[in-house]
Amino acid sequence: MVRQPLTPAQIAAGQRLGAALRVARGGRSLVEVALAAGISPETLRKIEAGRLPAPAFGTVVGLSQALAVPLGDLAEVWLTDAVPVRQAS
């Protein structure tokens, strides 16, 4: 199976998601959040930088839990131009 290239809209959605995750991470270290989410720090770094614009669903779920951000909020970021995610407390 050949994976189709991402569209510009999908790339932009991934960049929004990465920005929202950076905001939600706040002062917590990238390593701390990555390990809590069950992913490598390098994976989280790539997601936040927009270099991994379409992370696996399980990865997004893990980040949602690690950052205490409702999964619906992250989906909203993906679907719209808004970045409504707040900083983790």
N, C-alpha and C. Protein backbone atom coordinates (compact mmCIF):
# COMPACT_ATOMS: atom_id res chain seq x y z
N MET A 1 0.84 -1.17 0.00
CA MET A 1 0.00 0.00 0.00
C MET A 1 0.89 1.24 0.00
N VAL A 2 0.60 2.14 -0.89
CA VAL A 2 1.36 3.38 -1.00
C VAL A 2 0.59 4.48 -0.28
N ARG A 3 1.29 5.18 0.58
CA ARG A 3 0.65 6.28 1.32
C ARG A 3 0.63 7.52 0.44
N GLN A 4 -0.53 8.12 0.34
CA GLN A 4 -0.69 9.34 -0.44
C GLN A 4 0.00 10.50 0.28
N PRO A 5 0.59 11.43 -0.47
CA PRO A 5 1.19 12.61 0.17
C PRO A 5 0.11 13.43 0.88
N LEU A 6 0.52 14.08 1.94
CA LEU A 6 -0.42 14.95 2.67
C LEU A 6 -0.75 16.16 1.82
N THR A 7 -1.96 16.63 1.96
CA THR A 7 -2.38 17.84 1.26
C THR A 7 -1.87 19.06 2.04
N PRO A 8 -1.84 20.22 1.41
CA PRO A 8 -1.46 21.43 2.14
C PRO A 8 -2.36 21.67 3.36
N ALA A 9 -3.63 21.35 3.25
CA ALA A 9 -4.55 21.53 4.38
C ALA A 9 -4.18 20.60 5.53
N GLN A 10 -3.80 19.37 5.23
CA GLN A 10 -3.40 18.44 6.28
C GLN A 10 -2.09 18.88 6.93
N ILE A 11 -1.18 19.39 6.14
CA ILE A 11 0.08 19.90 6.70
C ILE A 11 -0.19 21.08 7.62
N ALA A 12 -1.06 21.99 7.20
CA ALA A 12 -1.41 23.14 8.04
C ALA A 12 -2.09 22.69 9.33
N ALA A 13 -2.95 21.67 9.24
CA ALA A 13 -3.62 21.15 10.44
C ALA A 13 -2.59 20.57 11.40
N GLY A 14 -1.60 19.87 10.88
CA GLY A 14 -0.55 19.32 11.73
C GLY A 14 0.28 20.40 12.40
N GLN A 15 0.51 21.49 11.69
CA GLN A 15 1.25 22.61 12.28
C GLN A 15 0.44 23.26 13.40
N ARG A 16 -0.88 23.39 13.19
CA ARG A 16 -1.74 23.92 14.26
C ARG A 16 -1.73 23.00 15.47
N LEU A 17 -1.81 21.70 15.22
CA LEU A 17 -1.79 20.74 16.32
C LEU A 17 -0.48 20.86 17.10
N GLY A 18 0.63 20.93 16.40
CA GLY A 18 1.93 21.08 17.06
C GLY A 18 2.00 22.33 17.91
N ALA A 19 1.50 23.44 17.38
CA ALA A 19 1.50 24.70 18.14
C ALA A 19 0.63 24.58 19.37
N ALA A 20 -0.53 23.95 19.24
CA ALA A 20 -1.43 23.79 20.38
C ALA A 20 -0.80 22.91 21.45
N LEU A 21 -0.11 21.87 21.04
CA LEU A 21 0.55 21.00 22.01
C LEU A 21 1.67 21.73 22.74
N ARG A 22 2.40 22.59 22.02
CA ARG A 22 3.45 23.40 22.67
C ARG A 22 2.85 24.30 23.74
N VAL A 23 1.72 24.94 23.41
CA VAL A 23 1.04 25.81 24.37
C VAL A 23 0.57 24.99 25.57
N ALA A 24 -0.03 23.85 25.32
CA ALA A 24 -0.55 23.01 26.40
C ALA A 24 0.58 22.49 27.29
N ARG A 25 1.73 22.24 26.71
CA ARG A 25 2.86 21.73 27.50
C ARG A 25 3.35 22.77 28.49
N GLY A 26 3.22 24.04 28.14
CA GLY A 26 3.61 25.13 29.04
C GLY A 26 5.03 24.98 29.51
N GLY A 27 5.23 24.99 30.83
CA GLY A 27 6.56 24.92 31.41
C GLY A 27 7.08 23.51 31.60
N ARG A 28 6.26 22.51 31.30
CA ARG A 28 6.72 21.12 31.46
C ARG A 28 7.75 20.80 30.39
N SER A 29 8.71 19.98 30.75
CA SER A 29 9.75 19.65 29.78
C SER A 29 9.20 18.73 28.70
N LEU A 30 9.80 18.85 27.54
CA LEU A 30 9.42 18.01 26.41
C LEU A 30 9.61 16.54 26.76
N VAL A 31 10.69 16.21 27.43
CA VAL A 31 10.98 14.82 27.80
C VAL A 31 9.92 14.30 28.76
N GLU A 32 9.56 15.09 29.76
CA GLU A 32 8.54 14.68 30.74
C GLU A 32 7.22 14.35 30.06
N VAL A 33 6.77 15.24 29.18
CA VAL A 33 5.49 15.04 28.51
C VAL A 33 5.56 13.86 27.55
N ALA A 34 6.64 13.75 26.80
CA ALA A 34 6.78 12.63 25.86
C ALA A 34 6.72 11.30 26.59
N LEU A 35 7.47 11.17 27.65
CA LEU A 35 7.48 9.91 28.39
C LEU A 35 6.12 9.62 29.01
N ALA A 36 5.43 10.64 29.51
CA ALA A 36 4.09 10.45 30.07
C ALA A 36 3.10 10.00 28.99
N ALA A 37 3.33 10.43 27.75
CA ALA A 37 2.45 10.08 26.64
C ALA A 37 2.84 8.74 26.00
N GLY A 38 3.98 8.20 26.40
CA GLY A 38 4.42 6.92 25.84
C GLY A 38 5.07 7.04 24.47
N ILE A 39 5.65 8.21 24.19
CA ILE A 39 6.34 8.41 22.92
C ILE A 39 7.75 8.92 23.20
N SER A 40 8.56 8.94 22.17
CA SER A 40 9.92 9.44 22.35
C SER A 40 9.93 10.96 22.33
N PRO A 41 10.88 11.56 23.03
CA PRO A 41 11.01 13.02 22.97
C PRO A 41 11.19 13.52 21.53
N GLU A 42 11.91 12.76 20.71
CA GLU A 42 12.12 13.18 19.32
C GLU A 42 10.79 13.20 18.55
N THR A 43 9.91 12.26 18.83
CA THR A 43 8.59 12.26 18.17
C THR A 43 7.81 13.50 18.57
N LEU A 44 7.81 13.82 19.86
CA LEU A 44 7.08 15.02 20.31
C LEU A 44 7.72 16.27 19.72
N ARG A 45 9.02 16.32 19.65
CA ARG A 45 9.72 17.47 19.05
C ARG A 45 9.27 17.65 17.60
N LYS A 46 9.20 16.56 16.85
CA LYS A 46 8.78 16.63 15.45
C LYS A 46 7.32 17.07 15.33
N ILE A 47 6.45 16.57 16.20
CA ILE A 47 5.04 16.96 16.15
C ILE A 47 4.92 18.45 16.44
N GLU A 48 5.56 18.91 17.50
CA GLU A 48 5.46 20.33 17.87
C GLU A 48 6.03 21.24 16.79
N ALA A 49 7.04 20.78 16.09
CA ALA A 49 7.66 21.59 15.04
C ALA A 49 6.91 21.53 13.72
N GLY A 50 5.89 20.67 13.65
CA GLY A 50 5.14 20.52 12.41
C GLY A 50 5.81 19.62 11.40
N ARG A 51 6.89 18.93 11.80
CA ARG A 51 7.60 18.04 10.89
C ARG A 51 6.97 16.65 10.85
N LEU A 52 6.04 16.38 11.76
CA LEU A 52 5.26 15.14 11.76
C LEU A 52 3.79 15.57 11.83
N PRO A 53 3.25 16.03 10.70
CA PRO A 53 1.93 16.67 10.71
C PRO A 53 0.75 15.73 10.86
N ALA A 54 0.97 14.42 10.77
CA ALA A 54 -0.15 13.48 10.90
C ALA A 54 0.23 12.36 11.86
N PRO A 55 0.35 12.68 13.16
CA PRO A 55 0.73 11.64 14.12
C PRO A 55 -0.37 10.58 14.23
N ALA A 56 0.01 9.40 14.66
CA ALA A 56 -0.94 8.31 14.85
C ALA A 56 -1.98 8.70 15.90
N PHE A 57 -3.17 8.14 15.74
CA PHE A 57 -4.26 8.44 16.68
C PHE A 57 -3.85 8.12 18.12
N GLY A 58 -3.22 6.97 18.32
CA GLY A 58 -2.79 6.61 19.67
C GLY A 58 -1.82 7.60 20.27
N THR A 59 -0.99 8.19 19.43
CA THR A 59 -0.05 9.21 19.89
C THR A 59 -0.80 10.44 20.36
N VAL A 60 -1.80 10.86 19.60
CA VAL A 60 -2.59 12.03 19.98
C VAL A 60 -3.37 11.75 21.27
N VAL A 61 -3.90 10.55 21.40
CA VAL A 61 -4.61 10.18 22.63
C VAL A 61 -3.66 10.23 23.81
N GLY A 62 -2.46 9.68 23.66
CA GLY A 62 -1.49 9.71 24.75
C GLY A 62 -1.11 11.13 25.14
N LEU A 63 -0.94 11.99 24.16
CA LEU A 63 -0.61 13.39 24.46
C LEU A 63 -1.78 14.09 25.12
N SER A 64 -2.98 13.79 24.68
CA SER A 64 -4.18 14.36 25.29
C SER A 64 -4.22 14.02 26.78
N GLN A 65 -3.96 12.77 27.10
CA GLN A 65 -3.97 12.34 28.50
C GLN A 65 -2.81 12.95 29.28
N ALA A 66 -1.62 12.94 28.71
CA ALA A 66 -0.45 13.46 29.41
C ALA A 66 -0.57 14.95 29.70
N LEU A 67 -1.25 15.67 28.82
CA LEU A 67 -1.39 17.12 28.97
C LEU A 67 -2.72 17.54 29.59
N ALA A 68 -3.58 16.56 29.87
CA ALA A 68 -4.91 16.83 30.43
C ALA A 68 -5.70 17.79 29.53
N VAL A 69 -5.59 17.55 28.23
CA VAL A 69 -6.33 18.33 27.24
C VAL A 69 -7.36 17.39 26.62
N PRO A 70 -8.63 17.74 26.68
CA PRO A 70 -9.63 16.87 26.08
C PRO A 70 -9.31 16.57 24.61
N LEU A 71 -9.49 15.33 24.23
CA LEU A 71 -9.23 14.92 22.85
C LEU A 71 -10.06 15.75 21.87
N GLY A 72 -11.26 16.12 22.27
CA GLY A 72 -12.11 16.95 21.43
C GLY A 72 -11.49 18.31 21.14
N ASP A 73 -10.77 18.85 22.11
CA ASP A 73 -10.09 20.14 21.90
C ASP A 73 -9.00 20.00 20.83
N LEU A 74 -8.27 18.90 20.88
CA LEU A 74 -7.22 18.69 19.88
C LEU A 74 -7.84 18.45 18.50
N ALA A 75 -8.96 17.76 18.46
CA ALA A 75 -9.66 17.55 17.19
C ALA A 75 -10.13 18.88 16.62
N GLU A 76 -10.60 19.76 17.48
CA GLU A 76 -11.06 21.09 17.04
C GLU A 76 -9.90 21.88 16.43
N VAL A 77 -8.73 21.78 17.03
CA VAL A 77 -7.54 22.45 16.48
C VAL A 77 -7.25 21.90 15.08
N TRP A 78 -7.36 20.59 14.93
CA TRP A 78 -7.08 19.96 13.64
C TRP A 78 -8.08 20.42 12.58
N LEU A 79 -9.34 20.58 12.98
CA LEU A 79 -10.41 20.86 12.02
C LEU A 79 -10.59 22.34 11.69
N THR A 80 -10.11 23.23 12.53
CA THR A 80 -10.33 24.66 12.32
C THR A 80 -9.02 25.43 12.41
N ASP A 81 -9.08 26.70 12.12
CA ASP A 81 -7.90 27.55 12.23
C ASP A 81 -7.65 28.03 13.64
N ALA A 82 -8.54 27.71 14.56
CA ALA A 82 -8.41 28.16 15.94
C ALA A 82 -7.42 27.28 16.69
N VAL A 83 -6.78 27.84 17.70
CA VAL A 83 -5.91 27.09 18.59
C VAL A 83 -6.40 27.34 20.02
N PRO A 84 -7.54 26.67 20.40
CA PRO A 84 -8.19 26.96 21.68
C PRO A 84 -7.59 26.26 22.88
N VAL A 85 -6.53 25.50 22.69
CA VAL A 85 -5.97 24.71 23.78
C VAL A 85 -5.30 25.62 24.79
N ARG A 86 -5.52 25.32 26.04
CA ARG A 86 -4.91 26.12 27.12
C ARG A 86 -3.70 25.41 27.69
N GLN A 87 -2.92 26.17 28.43
CA GLN A 87 -1.72 25.62 29.05
C GLN A 87 -2.10 24.63 30.14
N ALA A 88 -1.38 23.54 30.22
CA ALA A 88 -1.62 22.53 31.26
C ALA A 88 -1.30 23.12 32.62
N SER A 89 -2.08 22.72 33.62
CA SER A 89 -1.83 23.24 34.97
C SER A 89 -1.10 22.25 35.82
